[in-house]
PDB file of N, CA and C in Angstrom:
ATOM      1  N   MET A   1      30.264  -3.904  26.942  1.00  0.00           N
ATOM      2  CA  MET A   1      29.615  -4.191  25.761  1.00  0.00           C
ATOM      3  C   MET A   1      28.486  -3.233  25.363  1.00  0.00           C
ATOM      4  N   LEU A   2      28.354  -2.880  24.205  1.00  0.00           N
ATOM      5  CA  LEU A   2      27.464  -1.836  23.763  1.00  0.00           C
ATOM      6  C   LEU A   2      26.077  -2.626  23.646  1.00  0.00           C
ATOM      7  N   THR A   3      25.002  -2.032  24.073  1.00  0.00           N
ATOM      8  CA  THR A   3      23.663  -2.510  24.001  1.00  0.00           C
ATOM      9  C   THR A   3      22.703  -1.693  23.041  1.00  0.00           C
ATOM     10  N   ILE A   4      21.891  -2.383  22.199  1.00  0.00           N
ATOM     11  CA  ILE A   4      21.128  -1.711  21.325  1.00  0.00           C
ATOM     12  C   ILE A   4      19.685  -1.905  21.750  1.00  0.00           C
ATOM     13  N   PHE A   5      18.787  -0.858  21.646  1.00  0.00           N
ATOM     14  CA  PHE A   5      17.463  -0.823  21.990  1.00  0.00           C
ATOM     15  C   PHE A   5      16.768  -0.989  20.589  1.00  0.00           C
ATOM     16  N   VAL A   6      16.018  -2.208  20.490  1.00  0.00           N
ATOM     17  CA  VAL A   6      15.333  -2.597  19.300  1.00  0.00           C
ATOM     18  C   VAL A   6      13.682  -2.327  19.410  1.00  0.00           C
ATOM     19  N   THR A   7      13.230  -1.544  18.737  1.00  0.00           N
ATOM     20  CA  THR A   7      11.836  -1.280  18.781  1.00  0.00           C
ATOM     21  C   THR A   7      10.989  -1.789  17.527  1.00  0.00           C
ATOM     22  N   ASN A   8      10.020  -2.841  17.933  1.00  0.00           N
ATOM     23  CA  ASN A   8       9.366  -3.339  16.887  1.00  0.00           C
ATOM     24  C   ASN A   8       7.896  -2.580  16.646  1.00  0.00           C
ATOM     25  N   ASN A   9       7.990  -1.856  15.435  1.00  0.00           N
ATOM     26  CA  ASN A   9       6.886  -1.046  15.106  1.00  0.00           C
ATOM     27  C   ASN A   9       5.985  -1.788  14.104  1.00  0.00           C
ATOM     28  N   SER A  10       6.221  -3.177  14.057  1.00  0.00           N
ATOM     29  CA  SER A  10       5.336  -3.881  13.047  1.00  0.00           C
ATOM     30  C   SER A  10       4.154  -4.527  13.862  1.00  0.00           C
ATOM     31  N   ASP A  11       3.247  -5.204  13.145  1.00  0.00           N
ATOM     32  CA  ASP A  11       2.317  -5.831  13.683  1.00  0.00           C
ATOM     33  C   ASP A  11       2.329  -7.244  14.201  1.00  0.00           C
ATOM     34  N   LEU A  12       3.643  -7.699  13.738  1.00  0.00           N
ATOM     35  CA  LEU A  12       3.989  -9.076  14.238  1.00  0.00           C
ATOM     36  C   LEU A  12       5.012  -9.386  15.204  1.00  0.00           C
ATOM     37  N   ALA A  13       4.804 -10.278  15.967  1.00  0.00           N
ATOM     38  CA  ALA A  13       5.968 -10.746  16.993  1.00  0.00           C
ATOM     39  C   ALA A  13       7.130 -11.430  16.300  1.00  0.00           C
ATOM     40  N   LEU A  14       8.295 -11.275  16.791  1.00  0.00           N
ATOM     41  CA  LEU A  14       9.505 -11.948  16.297  1.00  0.00           C
ATOM     42  C   LEU A  14      10.114 -12.713  17.556  1.00  0.00           C
ATOM     43  N   ILE A  15      10.361 -13.969  17.436  1.00  0.00           N
ATOM     44  CA  ILE A  15      11.089 -14.711  18.378  1.00  0.00           C
ATOM     45  C   ILE A  15      12.425 -15.152  17.595  1.00  0.00           C
ATOM     46  N   ASP A  16      13.659 -14.772  18.278  1.00  0.00           N
ATOM     47  CA  ASP A  16      14.764 -15.355  17.669  1.00  0.00           C
ATOM     48  C   ASP A  16      15.806 -15.524  18.780  1.00  0.00           C
ATOM     49  N   GLY A  17      16.919 -16.151  18.566  1.00  0.00           N
ATOM     50  CA  GLY A  17      17.835 -16.410  19.610  1.00  0.00           C
ATOM     51  C   GLY A  17      19.247 -16.201  19.086  1.00  0.00           C
ATOM     52  N   TRP A  18      20.179 -16.184  20.161  1.00  0.00           N
ATOM     53  CA  TRP A  18      21.553 -16.038  19.849  1.00  0.00           C
ATOM     54  C   TRP A  18      22.329 -16.547  21.216  1.00  0.00           C
ATOM     55  N   ASN A  19      23.294 -17.410  20.732  1.00  0.00           N
ATOM     56  CA  ASN A  19      24.115 -17.894  21.951  1.00  0.00           C
ATOM     57  C   ASN A  19      23.253 -18.509  23.117  1.00  0.00           C
ATOM     58  N   GLY A  20      22.253 -19.320  22.679  1.00  0.00           N
ATOM     59  CA  GLY A  20      21.421 -20.067  23.625  1.00  0.00           C
ATOM     60  C   GLY A  20      20.535 -19.132  24.458  1.00  0.00           C
ATOM     61  N   VAL A  21      20.318 -17.914  24.112  1.00  0.00           N
ATOM     62  CA  VAL A  21      19.368 -16.977  24.630  1.00  0.00           C
ATOM     63  C   VAL A  21      18.241 -16.565  23.718  1.00  0.00           C
ATOM     64  N   GLU A  22      17.019 -16.785  24.034  1.00  0.00           N
ATOM     65  CA  GLU A  22      15.827 -16.534  23.144  1.00  0.00           C
ATOM     66  C   GLU A  22      15.350 -15.021  23.503  1.00  0.00           C
ATOM     67  N   TYR A  23      15.210 -14.269  22.470  1.00  0.00           N
ATOM     68  CA  TYR A  23      14.648 -12.887  22.430  1.00  0.00           C
ATOM     69  C   TYR A  23      13.336 -12.847  21.827  1.00  0.00           C
ATOM     70  N   THR A  24      12.392 -12.143  22.641  1.00  0.00           N
ATOM     71  CA  THR A  24      11.073 -12.044  21.974  1.00  0.00           C
ATOM     72  C   THR A  24      10.874 -10.450  21.710  1.00  0.00           C
ATOM     73  N   PHE A  25      10.470 -10.147  20.441  1.00  0.00           N
ATOM     74  CA  PHE A  25      10.209  -8.771  20.131  1.00  0.00           C
ATOM     75  C   PHE A  25       8.774  -8.802  19.845  1.00  0.00           C
ATOM     76  N   LYS A  26       7.898  -8.123  20.729  1.00  0.00           N
ATOM     77  CA  LYS A  26       6.634  -8.078  20.752  1.00  0.00           C
ATOM     78  C   LYS A  26       6.294  -6.781  19.901  1.00  0.00           C
ATOM     79  N   PRO A  27       5.094  -6.709  19.210  1.00  0.00           N
ATOM     80  CA  PRO A  27       4.747  -5.478  18.327  1.00  0.00           C
ATOM     81  C   PRO A  27       4.509  -4.369  19.568  1.00  0.00           C
ATOM     82  N   ASN A  28       5.067  -3.138  18.920  1.00  0.00           N
ATOM     83  CA  ASN A  28       5.092  -1.830  19.727  1.00  0.00           C
ATOM     84  C   ASN A  28       5.686  -1.941  21.046  1.00  0.00           C
ATOM     85  N   SER A  29       6.821  -2.746  21.083  1.00  0.00           N
ATOM     86  CA  SER A  29       7.640  -2.805  22.227  1.00  0.00           C
ATOM     87  C   SER A  29       9.164  -2.664  21.892  1.00  0.00           C
ATOM     88  N   THR A  30       9.931  -2.304  22.927  1.00  0.00           N
ATOM     89  CA  THR A  30      11.234  -2.144  22.911  1.00  0.00           C
ATOM     90  C   THR A  30      12.076  -3.251  23.596  1.00  0.00           C
ATOM     91  N   VAL A  31      13.040  -3.835  23.039  1.00  0.00           N
ATOM     92  CA  VAL A  31      13.807  -4.777  23.775  1.00  0.00           C
ATOM     93  C   VAL A  31      15.364  -4.251  23.769  1.00  0.00           C
ATOM     94  N   GLU A  32      15.960  -4.519  24.888  1.00  0.00           N
ATOM     95  CA  GLU A  32      17.366  -4.096  25.000  1.00  0.00           C
ATOM     96  C   GLU A  32      18.233  -5.345  24.723  1.00  0.00           C
ATOM     97  N   VAL A  33      19.032  -5.327  23.688  1.00  0.00           N
ATOM     98  CA  VAL A  33      19.959  -6.495  23.363  1.00  0.00           C
ATOM     99  C   VAL A  33      21.325  -6.103  23.192  1.00  0.00           C
ATOM    100  N   PRO A  34      22.170  -7.098  23.346  1.00  0.00           N
ATOM    101  CA  PRO A  34      23.622  -6.820  23.112  1.00  0.00           C
ATOM    102  C   PRO A  34      23.747  -6.496  21.613  1.00  0.00           C
ATOM    103  N   GLU A  35      24.759  -5.585  21.173  1.00  0.00           N
ATOM    104  CA  GLU A  35      24.958  -5.332  19.879  1.00  0.00           C
ATOM    105  C   GLU A  35      25.108  -6.547  18.904  1.00  0.00           C
ATOM    106  N   LEU A  36      25.798  -7.537  19.500  1.00  0.00           N
ATOM    107  CA  LEU A  36      26.073  -8.757  18.624  1.00  0.00           C
ATOM    108  C   LEU A  36      24.671  -9.504  18.350  1.00  0.00           C
ATOM    109  N   VAL A  37      23.647  -9.431  19.237  1.00  0.00           N
ATOM    110  CA  VAL A  37      22.323  -9.983  18.842  1.00  0.00           C
ATOM    111  C   VAL A  37      21.689  -9.075  17.812  1.00  0.00           C
ATOM    112  N   ALA A  38      21.721  -7.840  17.834  1.00  0.00           N
ATOM    113  CA  ALA A  38      21.296  -6.920  16.861  1.00  0.00           C
ATOM    114  C   ALA A  38      21.772  -7.276  15.418  1.00  0.00           C
ATOM    115  N   LYS A  39      23.140  -7.441  15.506  1.00  0.00           N
ATOM    116  CA  LYS A  39      23.814  -7.748  14.228  1.00  0.00           C
ATOM    117  C   LYS A  39      23.400  -9.124  13.634  1.00  0.00           C
ATOM    118  N   HIS A  40      23.315 -10.154  14.516  1.00  0.00           N
ATOM    119  CA  HIS A  40      22.916 -11.486  14.126  1.00  0.00           C
ATOM    120  C   HIS A  40      21.609 -11.564  13.607  1.00  0.00           C
ATOM    121  N   VAL A  41      20.761 -10.873  14.367  1.00  0.00           N
ATOM    122  CA  VAL A  41      19.260 -10.988  14.021  1.00  0.00           C
ATOM    123  C   VAL A  41      18.890 -10.032  12.781  1.00  0.00           C
ATOM    124  N   PHE A  42      19.366  -8.907  12.881  1.00  0.00           N
ATOM    125  CA  PHE A  42      18.872  -7.944  11.981  1.00  0.00           C
ATOM    126  C   PHE A  42      19.951  -7.378  10.959  1.00  0.00           C
ATOM    127  N   GLY A  43      21.176  -7.757  11.175  1.00  0.00           N
ATOM    128  CA  GLY A  43      22.192  -7.307  10.353  1.00  0.00           C
ATOM    129  C   GLY A  43      22.704  -5.804  10.753  1.00  0.00           C
ATOM    130  N   TYR A  44      22.418  -5.315  12.008  1.00  0.00           N
ATOM    131  CA  TYR A  44      22.727  -4.021  12.580  1.00  0.00           C
ATOM    132  C   TYR A  44      24.240  -3.634  12.188  1.00  0.00           C
ATOM    133  N   GLY A  45      24.388  -2.594  11.655  1.00  0.00           N
ATOM    134  CA  GLY A  45      25.669  -2.224  11.263  1.00  0.00           C
ATOM    135  C   GLY A  45      26.397  -2.794   9.982  1.00  0.00           C
ATOM    136  N   ASP A  46      25.542  -3.729   9.389  1.00  0.00           N
ATOM    137  CA  ASP A  46      26.114  -4.264   8.091  1.00  0.00           C
ATOM    138  C   ASP A  46      25.227  -3.721   6.946  1.00  0.00           C
ATOM    139  N   ASN A  47      25.910  -3.256   5.912  1.00  0.00           N
ATOM    140  CA  ASN A  47      25.222  -2.633   4.803  1.00  0.00           C
ATOM    141  C   ASN A  47      24.530  -3.690   3.894  1.00  0.00           C
ATOM    142  N   ASP A  48      24.977  -4.954   3.769  1.00  0.00           N
ATOM    143  CA  ASP A  48      24.425  -6.022   3.157  1.00  0.00           C
ATOM    144  C   ASP A  48      23.382  -6.693   4.023  1.00  0.00           C
ATOM    145  N   LYS A  49      22.094  -6.373   3.845  1.00  0.00           N
ATOM    146  CA  LYS A  49      21.002  -6.909   4.795  1.00  0.00           C
ATOM    147  C   LYS A  49      20.449  -8.287   4.183  1.00  0.00           C
ATOM    148  N   GLU A  50      20.810  -8.754   2.945  1.00  0.00           N
ATOM    149  CA  GLU A  50      20.332  -9.762   2.387  1.00  0.00           C
ATOM    150  C   GLU A  50      20.332 -11.085   3.021  1.00  0.00           C
ATOM    151  N   PRO A  51      21.451 -11.416   3.626  1.00  0.00           N
ATOM    152  CA  PRO A  51      21.541 -12.868   4.337  1.00  0.00           C
ATOM    153  C   PRO A  51      20.584 -12.704   5.713  1.00  0.00           C
ATOM    154  N   TYR A  52      20.473 -11.614   6.130  1.00  0.00           N
ATOM    155  CA  TYR A  52      19.783 -11.377   7.529  1.00  0.00           C
ATOM    156  C   TYR A  52      18.167 -11.418   7.126  1.00  0.00           C
ATOM    157  N   LEU A  53      17.764 -10.748   5.978  1.00  0.00           N
ATOM    158  CA  LEU A  53      16.395 -10.942   5.650  1.00  0.00           C
ATOM    159  C   LEU A  53      15.984 -12.273   5.287  1.00  0.00           C
ATOM    160  N   ALA A  54      16.925 -12.938   4.576  1.00  0.00           N
ATOM    161  CA  ALA A  54      16.670 -14.401   4.192  1.00  0.00           C
ATOM    162  C   ALA A  54      16.570 -15.348   5.243  1.00  0.00           C
ATOM    163  N   ARG A  55      17.509 -15.143   6.377  1.00  0.00           N
ATOM    164  CA  ARG A  55      17.443 -16.026   7.523  1.00  0.00           C
ATOM    165  C   ARG A  55      16.118 -15.737   8.319  1.00  0.00           C
ATOM    166  N   LEU A  56      15.595 -14.599   8.298  1.00  0.00           N
ATOM    167  CA  LEU A  56      14.414 -14.395   8.963  1.00  0.00           C
ATOM    168  C   LEU A  56      13.064 -14.801   8.217  1.00  0.00           C
ATOM    169  N   GLY A  57      13.446 -15.191   6.952  1.00  0.00           N
ATOM    170  CA  GLY A  57      12.299 -15.550   6.132  1.00  0.00           C
ATOM    171  C   GLY A  57      11.491 -14.472   5.525  1.00  0.00           C
ATOM    172  N   TRP A  58      12.147 -13.132   5.495  1.00  0.00           N
ATOM    173  CA  TRP A  58      11.311 -11.989   4.934  1.00  0.00           C
ATOM    174  C   TRP A  58      11.512 -11.847   3.501  1.00  0.00           C
ATOM    175  N   ILE A  59      12.615 -12.754   2.913  1.00  0.00           N
ATOM    176  CA  ILE A  59      12.723 -12.757   1.490  1.00  0.00           C
ATOM    177  C   ILE A  59      13.000 -14.092   1.003  1.00  0.00           C
ATOM    178  N   LYS A  60      12.732 -14.608  -0.138  1.00  0.00           N
ATOM    179  CA  LYS A  60      12.866 -15.765  -0.720  1.00  0.00           C
ATOM    180  C   LYS A  60      13.917 -15.800  -1.768  1.00  0.00           C
ATOM    181  N   SER A  61      13.970 -14.630  -2.542  1.00  0.00           N
ATOM    182  CA  SER A  61      14.870 -14.483  -3.600  1.00  0.00           C
ATOM    183  C   SER A  61      15.332 -12.950  -3.629  1.00  0.00           C
ATOM    184  N   LYS A  62      16.333 -12.620  -4.609  1.00  0.00           N
ATOM    185  CA  LYS A  62      16.716 -11.478  -4.686  1.00  0.00           C
ATOM    186  C   LYS A  62      15.685 -10.343  -5.193  1.00  0.00           C
ATOM    187  N   ASN A  63      14.619 -10.891  -5.762  1.00  0.00           N
ATOM    188  CA  ASN A  63      13.543 -10.068  -6.191  1.00  0.00           C
ATOM    189  C   ASN A  63      12.639  -9.611  -5.013  1.00  0.00           C
ATOM    190  N   ASP A  64      12.855 -10.213  -3.891  1.00  0.00           N
ATOM    191  CA  ASP A  64      12.078  -9.799  -2.700  1.00  0.00           C
ATOM    192  C   ASP A  64      12.785  -8.853  -1.932  1.00  0.00           C
ATOM    193  N   ILE A  65      14.077  -8.444  -2.210  1.00  0.00           N
ATOM    194  CA  ILE A  65      14.761  -7.560  -1.349  1.00  0.00           C
ATOM    195  C   ILE A  65      14.014  -6.246  -0.944  1.00  0.00           C
ATOM    196  N   ASP A  66      13.389  -5.614  -1.893  1.00  0.00           N
ATOM    197  CA  ASP A  66      12.703  -4.421  -1.662  1.00  0.00           C
ATOM    198  C   ASP A  66      11.615  -4.601  -0.491  1.00  0.00           C
ATOM    199  N   GLU A  67      10.894  -5.641  -0.783  1.00  0.00           N
ATOM    200  CA  GLU A  67       9.845  -6.049   0.254  1.00  0.00           C
ATOM    201  C   GLU A  67      10.483  -6.215   1.577  1.00  0.00           C
ATOM    202  N   GLY A  68      11.631  -7.020   1.671  1.00  0.00           N
ATOM    203  CA  GLY A  68      12.259  -7.224   3.018  1.00  0.00           C
ATOM    204  C   GLY A  68      12.749  -6.089   3.661  1.00  0.00           C
ATOM    205  N   ILE A  69      13.366  -5.182   2.834  1.00  0.00           N
ATOM    206  CA  ILE A  69      13.840  -3.806   3.433  1.00  0.00           C
ATOM    207  C   ILE A  69      12.744  -3.078   3.896  1.00  0.00           C
ATOM    208  N   LYS A  70      11.492  -3.104   3.216  1.00  0.00           N
ATOM    209  CA  LYS A  70      10.355  -2.333   3.658  1.00  0.00           C
ATOM    210  C   LYS A  70       9.957  -2.917   4.990  1.00  0.00           C
ATOM    211  N   LYS A  71       9.867  -4.155   5.236  1.00  0.00           N
ATOM    212  CA  LYS A  71       9.637  -4.929   6.387  1.00  0.00           C
ATOM    213  C   LYS A  71      10.619  -4.535   7.434  1.00  0.00           C
ATOM    214  N   LEU A  72      11.897  -4.438   7.269  1.00  0.00           N
ATOM    215  CA  LEU A  72      12.918  -4.136   8.164  1.00  0.00           C
ATOM    216  C   LEU A  72      12.857  -2.658   8.564  1.00  0.00           C
ATOM    217  N   SER A  73      12.225  -1.855   7.678  1.00  0.00           N
ATOM    218  CA  SER A  73      12.112  -0.426   8.065  1.00  0.00           C
ATOM    219  C   SER A  73      11.057  -0.058   9.115  1.00  0.00           C
ATOM    220  N   GLU A  74      10.326  -1.165   9.449  1.00  0.00           N
ATOM    221  CA  GLU A  74       9.278  -0.960  10.561  1.00  0.00           C
ATOM    222  C   GLU A  74       9.934  -1.272  12.029  1.00  0.00           C
ATOM    223  N   TRP A  75      11.303  -1.415  11.855  1.00  0.00           N
ATOM    224  CA  TRP A  75      11.952  -1.717  13.148  1.00  0.00           C
ATOM    225  C   TRP A  75      12.954  -0.394  13.463  1.00  0.00           C
ATOM    226  N   GLU A  76      13.062  -0.108  14.692  1.00  0.00           N
ATOM    227  CA  GLU A  76      14.095   1.098  15.050  1.00  0.00           C
ATOM    228  C   GLU A  76      15.097   0.428  15.925  1.00  0.00           C
ATOM    229  N   PHE A  77      16.346   1.030  15.724  1.00  0.00           N
ATOM    230  CA  PHE A  77      17.514   0.524  16.496  1.00  0.00           C
ATOM    231  C   PHE A  77      18.220   1.894  16.994  1.00  0.00           C
ATOM    232  N   SER A  78      18.428   1.828  18.313  1.00  0.00           N
ATOM    233  CA  SER A  78      19.040   3.025  18.815  1.00  0.00           C
ATOM    234  C   SER A  78      20.079   2.645  19.933  1.00  0.00           C
ATOM    235  N   THR A  79      21.078   3.362  20.337  1.00  0.00           N
ATOM    236  CA  THR A  79      21.900   3.035  21.406  1.00  0.00           C
ATOM    237  C   THR A  79      21.401   3.562  22.566  1.00  0.00           C
ATOM    238  N   GLU A  80      20.287   4.436  22.581  1.00  0.00           N
ATOM    239  CA  GLU A  80      19.715   4.977  23.805  1.00  0.00           C
ATOM    240  C   GLU A  80      18.366   4.518  23.913  1.00  0.00           C
ATOM    241  N   ALA A  81      17.797   4.468  25.165  1.00  0.00           N
ATOM    242  CA  ALA A  81      16.376   4.033  25.395  1.00  0.00           C
ATOM    243  C   ALA A  81      15.525   5.056  24.888  1.00  0.00           C
ATOM    244  N   PRO A  82      14.507   4.577  24.142  1.00  0.00           N
ATOM    245  CA  PRO A  82      13.564   5.578  23.717  1.00  0.00           C
ATOM    246  C   PRO A  82      12.839   6.172  24.805  1.00  0.00           C
ATOM    247  N   LYS A  83      12.536   7.529  24.591  1.00  0.00           N
ATOM    248  CA  LYS A  83      11.789   8.258  25.684  1.00  0.00           C
ATOM    249  C   LYS A  83      10.303   7.953  25.479  1.00  0.00           C
ATOM    250  N   LYS A  84       9.715   7.819  26.579  1.00  0.00           N
ATOM    251  CA  LYS A  84       8.219   7.467  26.621  1.00  0.00           C
ATOM    252  C   LYS A  84       7.435   8.844  26.443  1.00  0.00           C
ATOM    253  N   ASP A  85       6.505   8.819  25.523  1.00  0.00           N
ATOM    254  CA  ASP A  85       5.678   9.941  25.270  1.00  0.00           C
ATOM    255  C   ASP A  85       4.745  10.177  26.440  1.00  0.00           C
ATOM    256  N   ARG A  86       5.023  11.383  27.168  1.00  0.00           N
ATOM    257  CA  ARG A  86       4.305  11.663  28.354  1.00  0.00           C
ATOM    258  C   ARG A  86       3.375  12.921  28.067  1.00  0.00           C
ATOM    259  N   SER A  87       2.815  13.080  27.020  1.00  0.00           N
ATOM    260  CA  SER A  87       2.119  14.285  26.722  1.00  0.00           C
ATOM    261  C   SER A  87       0.891  14.243  27.605  1.00  0.00           C
ATOM    262  N   LEU A  88       0.434  15.560  27.859  1.00  0.00           N
ATOM    263  CA  LEU A  88      -0.707  15.676  28.797  1.00  0.00           C
ATOM    264  C   LEU A  88      -1.975  15.558  28.078  1.00  0.00           C
ATOM    265  N   SER A  89      -3.000  15.365  28.798  1.00  0.00           N
ATOM    266  CA  SER A  89      -4.324  15.164  28.239  1.00  0.00           C
ATOM    267  C   SER A  89      -4.725  16.541  27.558  1.00  0.00           C
ATOM    268  N   PRO A  90      -5.396  16.516  26.457  1.00  0.00           N
ATOM    269  CA  PRO A  90      -5.713  17.786  25.868  1.00  0.00           C
ATOM    270  C   PRO A  90      -6.811  18.506  26.673  1.00  0.00           C
ATOM    271  N   MET A  91      -7.444  17.967  27.600  1.00  0.00           N
ATOM    272  CA  MET A  91      -8.324  18.731  28.420  1.00  0.00           C
ATOM    273  C   MET A  91      -7.778  19.225  29.725  1.00  0.00           C
ATOM    274  N   VAL A  92      -6.390  19.259  29.860  1.00  0.00           N
ATOM    275  CA  VAL A  92      -5.823  19.839  31.018  1.00  0.00           C
ATOM    276  C   VAL A  92      -6.201  21.327  31.235  1.00  0.00           C
ATOM    277  N   GLU A  93      -6.169  22.092  30.105  1.00  0.00           N
ATOM    278  CA  GLU A  93      -6.367  23.644  30.340  1.00  0.00           C
ATOM    279  C   GLU A  93      -7.771  23.985  30.592  1.00  0.00           C
ATOM    280  N   LYS A  94      -8.730  22.948  30.436  1.00  0.00           N
ATOM    281  CA  LYS A  94     -10.152  23.361  30.808  1.00  0.00           C
ATOM    282  C   LYS A  94     -10.533  23.197  32.121  1.00  0.00           C
ATOM    283  N   VAL A  95     -10.669  24.145  32.847  1.00  0.00           N
ATOM    284  CA  VAL A  95     -11.065  24.132  34.249  1.00  0.00           C
ATOM    285  C   VAL A  95     -12.532  24.469  34.477  1.00  0.00           C
ATOM    286  N   PRO A  96     -13.315  23.738  35.051  1.00  0.00           N
ATOM    287  CA  PRO A  96     -14.758  24.020  35.222  1.00  0.00           C
ATOM    288  C   PRO A  96     -14.921  25.201  36.202  1.00  0.00           C
ATOM    289  N   LEU A  97     -16.035  25.894  35.823  1.00  0.00           N
ATOM    290  CA  LEU A  97     -16.254  27.014  36.705  1.00  0.00           C
ATOM    291  C   LEU A  97     -16.784  26.541  38.001  1.00  0.00           C
ATOM    292  N   PRO A  98     -16.577  27.382  39.038  1.00  0.00           N
ATOM    293  CA  PRO A  98     -17.051  27.022  40.475  1.00  0.00           C
ATOM    294  C   PRO A  98     -18.577  26.917  40.290  1.00  0.00           C
ATOM    295  N   VAL A  99     -19.137  25.888  41.203  1.00  0.00           N
ATOM    296  CA  VAL A  99     -20.497  25.624  41.263  1.00  0.00           C
ATOM    297  C   VAL A  99     -21.196  26.855  42.231  1.00  0.00           C
ATOM    298  N   ALA A 100     -22.392  27.147  41.780  1.00  0.00           N
ATOM    299  CA  ALA A 100     -23.048  28.061  42.622  1.00  0.00           C
ATOM    300  C   ALA A 100     -23.347  27.293  43.992  1.00  0.00           C
ATOM    301  N   ARG A 101     -23.119  27.959  45.113  1.00  0.00           N
ATOM    302  CA  ARG A 101     -23.448  27.520  46.468  1.00  0.00           C
ATOM    303  C   ARG A 101     -24.258  28.366  47.197  1.00  0.00           C
ATOM    304  N   ARG A 102     -24.780  27.776  48.200  1.00  0.00           N
ATOM    305  CA  ARG A 102     -25.716  28.489  49.090  1.00  0.00           C
ATOM    306  C   ARG A 102     -24.842  28.812  50.499  1.00  0.00           C
ATOM    307  N   ALA A 103     -24.796  30.176  50.696  1.00  0.00           N
ATOM    308  CA  ALA A 103     -24.037  30.227  52.057  1.00  0.00           C
ATOM    309  C   ALA A 103     -24.903  31.441  52.796  1.00  0.00           C
ATOM    310  N   GLY A 104     -25.326  31.128  53.942  1.00  0.00           N
ATOM    311  CA  GLY A 104     -26.097  32.294  54.629  1.00  0.00           C
ATOM    312  C   GLY A 104     -27.344  32.722  53.931  1.00  0.00           C
ATOM    313  N   GLY A 105     -28.025  32.015  53.073  1.00  0.00           N
ATOM    314  CA  GLY A 105     -29.087  32.538  52.472  1.00  0.00           C
ATOM    315  C   GLY A 105     -28.886  33.183  51.267  1.00  0.00           C
ATOM    316  N   LYS A 106     -27.629  33.403  50.879  1.00  0.00           N
ATOM    317  CA  LYS A 106     -27.317  34.109  49.556  1.00  0.00           C
ATOM    318  C   LYS A 106     -26.947  32.936  48.629  1.00  0.00           C
ATOM    319  N   VAL A 107     -27.013  33.330  47.303  1.00  0.00           N
ATOM    320  CA  VAL A 107     -26.620  32.342  46.211  1.00  0.00           C
ATOM    321  C   VAL A 107     -25.370  33.049  45.690  1.00  0.00           C
ATOM    322  N   LEU A 108     -24.304  32.417  45.692  1.00  0.00           N
ATOM    323  CA  LEU A 108     -23.047  32.947  45.123  1.00  0.00           C
ATOM    324  C   LEU A 108     -22.858  32.216  43.766  1.00  0.00           C
ATOM    325  N   SER A 109     -22.615  32.965  42.776  1.00  0.00           N
ATOM    326  CA  SER A 109     -22.271  32.312  41.472  1.00  0.00           C
ATOM    327  C   SER A 109     -21.081  32.942  40.877  1.00  0.00           C
ATOM    328  N   ALA A 110     -20.430  32.266  39.823  1.00  0.00           N
ATOM    329  CA  ALA A 110     -19.343  32.703  39.174  1.00  0.00           C
ATOM    330  C   ALA A 110     -19.625  33.908  38.385  1.00  0.00           C
ATOM    331  N   VAL A 111     -18.668  34.874  38.328  1.00  0.00           N
ATOM    332  CA  VAL A 111     -18.820  36.235  37.646  1.00  0.00           C
ATOM    333  C   VAL A 111     -18.315  35.754  36.121  1.00  0.00           C
ATOM    334  N   LYS A 112     -19.077  36.198  35.145  1.00  0.00           N
ATOM    335  CA  LYS A 112     -18.850  35.910  33.784  1.00  0.00           C
ATOM    336  C   LYS A 112     -18.203  37.064  33.070  1.00  0.00           C
TER     337      LYS A 112
END
């Protein structure tokens, strides 16, 4: 069975269920779900999103479809797990100069 990684980039959590299992999609987190769950909840793979948006309560009439699609665009769907951003600190390349030390009565200092 194919799994889909669903990432909630919105500010609101969503709790929904399928086949007796409850799924919680917290803001700024990714949840791995079976493809059937992604289709049932979000209409994954279906071109007509209207029934899914209505079921989620994101639209009330056909006039709200654009607003519902905008809300759905805050969600990402992928067949591969998202890679975590492991960027390094911007200060990594800054190395402090050695501290002047006393050794045998002489003061050693860094050469500039």
